[in-house]
C-alpha cells in the first residue's frame, strides 16, 4: 500500500491519518538510501526451486553496478542494501508461513477428528 491509498482509505473511513501507521515512501529517505533502493532493485534475486523460498540477492552483481553508476561510497550503500534485503527476507518468510498455515487450515477443513482404534 502506498501513501495515497492509505490517505484515501482514511478519508473513506472518516479517520484521521496516523503517521505511525502510514506507509513509507522511498522519496522520504536520504539520498544514500534511495541509491541503495535503486541499485538493489536491479540486482537479481535467488529463489529455491523446490520450496519457492526467497534466498536473497545475488550480491556479485552489486560491484559491477557500483562501477557502472560510479557510486562514490559503495560500502555505505551496500550496508543499506543488505539491511533492506534482510527486511525483505523476513517479510517474505512470514508471508510464506502465513500462506502455508492458511493452506493447512483449509485442507483440514478446520475440523479435528479423532479415531479410536482397538486392536
C-alpha atoms as a PDB file:
ATOM      1  CA  UNK A   1       0.000   0.000   0.000  1.00  0.00           C
ATOM      2  CA  UNK A   2       1.316   3.451  -0.813  1.00  0.00           C
ATOM      3  CA  UNK A   3       0.724   6.748   0.996  1.00  0.00           C
ATOM      4  CA  UNK A   4      -2.015   7.925  -1.391  1.00  0.00           C
ATOM      5  CA  UNK A   5      -4.006   4.716  -0.974  1.00  0.00           C
ATOM      6  CA  UNK A   6      -3.645   4.904   2.819  1.00  0.00           C
ATOM      7  CA  UNK A   7      -4.909   8.511   2.832  1.00  0.00           C
ATOM      8  CA  UNK A   8      -7.886   7.577   0.622  1.00  0.00           C
ATOM      9  CA  UNK A   9      -8.830   4.728   2.956  1.00  0.00           C
ATOM     10  CA  UNK A  10      -8.611   7.035   5.987  1.00  0.00           C
ATOM     11  CA  UNK A  11     -10.794   9.574   4.205  1.00  0.00           C
ATOM     12  CA  UNK A  12     -13.387   6.929   3.296  1.00  0.00           C
ATOM     13  CA  UNK A  13     -13.476   5.649   6.865  1.00  0.00           C
ATOM     14  CA  UNK A  14     -13.609   9.169   8.272  1.00  0.00           C
ATOM     15  CA  UNK A  15     -10.446   8.555  10.299  1.00  0.00           C
ATOM     16  CA  UNK A  16      -7.516  10.863  10.930  1.00  0.00           C
ATOM     17  CA  UNK A  17      -4.295   9.548   9.261  1.00  0.00           C
ATOM     18  CA  UNK A  18      -1.860   8.105  11.809  1.00  0.00           C
ATOM     19  CA  UNK A  19       1.798   8.885  10.994  1.00  0.00           C
ATOM     20  CA  UNK A  20       2.838   5.713  12.852  1.00  0.00           C
ATOM     21  CA  UNK A  21       0.714   3.545  10.539  1.00  0.00           C
ATOM     22  CA  UNK A  22       1.353   5.472   7.319  1.00  0.00           C
ATOM     23  CA  UNK A  23       3.353   3.503   4.726  1.00  0.00           C
ATOM     24  CA  UNK A  24       6.847   4.746   3.977  1.00  0.00           C
ATOM     25  CA  UNK A  25       7.594   6.496   0.697  1.00  0.00           C
ATOM     26  CA  UNK A  26      11.055   5.972  -0.811  1.00  0.00           C
ATOM     27  CA  UNK A  27      11.381   9.666  -1.620  1.00  0.00           C
ATOM     28  CA  UNK A  28      11.348  10.450   2.107  1.00  0.00           C
ATOM     29  CA  UNK A  29      14.638   8.633   2.695  1.00  0.00           C
ATOM     30  CA  UNK A  30      18.121  10.199   2.475  1.00  0.00           C
ATOM     31  CA  UNK A  31      19.834  10.129  -0.929  1.00  0.00           C
ATOM     32  CA  UNK A  32      22.153   7.252   0.027  1.00  0.00           C
ATOM     33  CA  UNK A  33      19.192   5.055   0.946  1.00  0.00           C
ATOM     34  CA  UNK A  34      17.397   5.956  -2.284  1.00  0.00           C
ATOM     35  CA  UNK A  35      20.523   4.967  -4.241  1.00  0.00           C
ATOM     36  CA  UNK A  36      20.584   1.687  -2.290  1.00  0.00           C
ATOM     37  CA  UNK A  37      16.958   1.030  -3.278  1.00  0.00           C
ATOM     38  CA  UNK A  38      17.759   1.837  -6.919  1.00  0.00           C
ATOM     39  CA  UNK A  39      20.782  -0.474  -7.105  1.00  0.00           C
ATOM     40  CA  UNK A  40      19.056  -3.192  -5.086  1.00  0.00           C
ATOM     41  CA  UNK A  41      16.083  -3.199  -7.451  1.00  0.00           C
ATOM     42  CA  UNK A  42      18.451  -4.008 -10.328  1.00  0.00           C
ATOM     43  CA  UNK A  43      20.144  -6.977  -8.634  1.00  0.00           C
ATOM     44  CA  UNK A  44      18.635 -10.364  -9.381  1.00  0.00           C
ATOM     45  CA  UNK A  45      17.132 -12.449  -6.606  1.00  0.00           C
ATOM     46  CA  UNK A  46      17.829 -16.080  -5.745  1.00  0.00           C
ATOM     47  CA  UNK A  47      14.916 -18.447  -5.066  1.00  0.00           C
ATOM     48  CA  UNK A  48      14.920 -22.078  -4.001  1.00  0.00           C
ATOM     49  CA  UNK A  49      13.428 -24.108  -6.852  1.00  0.00           C
ATOM     50  CA  UNK A  50      11.911 -26.817  -4.668  1.00  0.00           C
ATOM     51  CA  UNK A  51      10.284 -24.810  -1.894  1.00  0.00           C
ATOM     52  CA  UNK A  52       9.958 -21.449  -3.609  1.00  0.00           C
ATOM     53  CA  UNK A  53      11.747 -19.808  -0.673  1.00  0.00           C
ATOM     54  CA  UNK A  54      13.479 -16.474  -1.158  1.00  0.00           C
ATOM     55  CA  UNK A  55      17.236 -16.877  -0.610  1.00  0.00           C
ATOM     56  CA  UNK A  56      18.312 -13.261  -1.020  1.00  0.00           C
ATOM     57  CA  UNK A  57      20.008 -11.072  -3.595  1.00  0.00           C
ATOM     58  CA  UNK A  58      22.803 -12.128  -5.948  1.00  0.00           C
ATOM     59  CA  UNK A  59      25.371  -9.790  -4.371  1.00  0.00           C
ATOM     60  CA  UNK A  60      28.013 -10.500  -7.022  1.00  0.00           C
ATOM     61  CA  UNK A  61      26.175  -8.118  -9.347  1.00  0.00           C
ATOM     62  CA  UNK A  62      26.451  -5.175  -6.924  1.00  0.00           C
ATOM     63  CA  UNK A  63      30.124  -4.445  -7.630  1.00  0.00           C
ATOM     64  CA  UNK A  64      29.506  -4.067 -11.373  1.00  0.00           C
ATOM     65  CA  UNK A  65      26.523  -1.793 -10.772  1.00  0.00           C
ATOM     66  CA  UNK A  66      28.575   0.377  -8.387  1.00  0.00           C
ATOM     67  CA  UNK A  67      31.179   0.782 -11.139  1.00  0.00           C
ATOM     68  CA  UNK A  68      28.603   1.380 -13.854  1.00  0.00           C
ATOM     69  CA  UNK A  69      26.804   4.135 -11.931  1.00  0.00           C
ATOM     70  CA  UNK A  70      30.051   5.485 -10.427  1.00  0.00           C
ATOM     71  CA  UNK A  71      28.799   5.194  -6.849  1.00  0.00           C
ATOM     72  CA  UNK A  72      31.274   7.111  -4.642  1.00  0.00           C
ATOM     73  CA  UNK A  73      30.530   5.291  -1.353  1.00  0.00           C
ATOM     74  CA  UNK A  74      29.754   1.658  -2.229  1.00  0.00           C
ATOM     75  CA  UNK A  75      30.362   0.266   1.293  1.00  0.00           C
ATOM     76  CA  UNK A  76      27.751   2.570   2.803  1.00  0.00           C
ATOM     77  CA  UNK A  77      25.259   1.850   0.021  1.00  0.00           C
ATOM     78  CA  UNK A  78      25.879  -1.904   0.328  1.00  0.00           C
ATOM     79  CA  UNK A  79      25.115  -1.686   4.058  1.00  0.00           C
ATOM     80  CA  UNK A  80      21.732  -0.075   3.342  1.00  0.00           C
ATOM     81  CA  UNK A  81      21.072  -2.648   0.626  1.00  0.00           C
ATOM     82  CA  UNK A  82      21.776  -5.530   2.990  1.00  0.00           C
ATOM     83  CA  UNK A  83      19.511  -4.067   5.691  1.00  0.00           C
ATOM     84  CA  UNK A  84      16.744  -3.753   3.108  1.00  0.00           C
ATOM     85  CA  UNK A  85      17.336  -7.315   1.915  1.00  0.00           C
ATOM     86  CA  UNK A  86      17.179  -8.681   5.483  1.00  0.00           C
ATOM     87  CA  UNK A  87      13.819  -6.946   5.910  1.00  0.00           C
ATOM     88  CA  UNK A  88      12.604  -8.426   2.598  1.00  0.00           C
ATOM     89  CA  UNK A  89      13.745 -11.918   3.560  1.00  0.00           C
ATOM     90  CA  UNK A  90      11.957 -11.701   6.912  1.00  0.00           C
ATOM     91  CA  UNK A  91       8.770 -10.343   5.345  1.00  0.00           C
ATOM     92  CA  UNK A  92       8.711 -12.956   2.576  1.00  0.00           C
ATOM     93  CA  UNK A  93       9.334 -15.737   5.098  1.00  0.00           C
ATOM     94  CA  UNK A  94       6.475 -14.504   7.294  1.00  0.00           C
ATOM     95  CA  UNK A  95       4.160 -14.194   4.273  1.00  0.00           C
ATOM     96  CA  UNK A  96       5.072 -17.737   3.199  1.00  0.00           C
ATOM     97  CA  UNK A  97       4.392 -19.091   6.683  1.00  0.00           C
ATOM     98  CA  UNK A  98       1.028 -17.316   6.746  1.00  0.00           C
ATOM     99  CA  UNK A  99       0.087 -18.838   3.369  1.00  0.00           C
ATOM    100  CA  UNK A 100       1.276 -22.286   4.464  1.00  0.00           C
ATOM    101  CA  UNK A 101      -0.782 -22.159   7.670  1.00  0.00           C
ATOM    102  CA  UNK A 102      -3.797 -20.937   5.729  1.00  0.00           C
ATOM    103  CA  UNK A 103      -3.494 -23.852   3.285  1.00  0.00           C
ATOM    104  CA  UNK A 104      -3.119 -26.320   6.144  1.00  0.00           C
ATOM    105  CA  UNK A 105      -6.236 -24.948   7.776  1.00  0.00           C
ATOM    106  CA  UNK A 106      -8.188 -25.131   4.504  1.00  0.00           C
ATOM    107  CA  UNK A 107      -7.047 -28.657   3.723  1.00  0.00           C
ATOM    108  CA  UNK A 108      -8.108 -29.932   7.124  1.00  0.00           C
ATOM    109  CA  UNK A 109     -11.402 -28.106   6.864  1.00  0.00           C
ATOM    110  CA  UNK A 110     -10.695 -26.591  10.235  1.00  0.00           C
ATOM    111  CA  UNK A 111     -12.086 -29.698  11.960  1.00  0.00           C
ATOM    112  CA  UNK A 112     -10.218 -32.035  14.234  1.00  0.00           C
ATOM    113  CA  UNK A 113     -11.226 -35.702  14.101  1.00  0.00           C
ATOM    114  CA  UNK A 114     -10.093 -38.397  16.474  1.00  0.00           C
ATOM    115  CA  UNK A 115     -10.408 -42.087  15.839  1.00  0.00           C
ATOM    116  CA  UNK A 116     -10.500 -44.803  18.435  1.00  0.00           C
ATOM    117  CA  UNK A 117      -8.769 -47.898  17.231  1.00  0.00           C
ATOM    118  CA  UNK A 118      -8.800 -51.090  19.201  1.00  0.00           C
ATOM    119  CA  UNK A 119      -6.509 -53.858  18.259  1.00  0.00           C
END
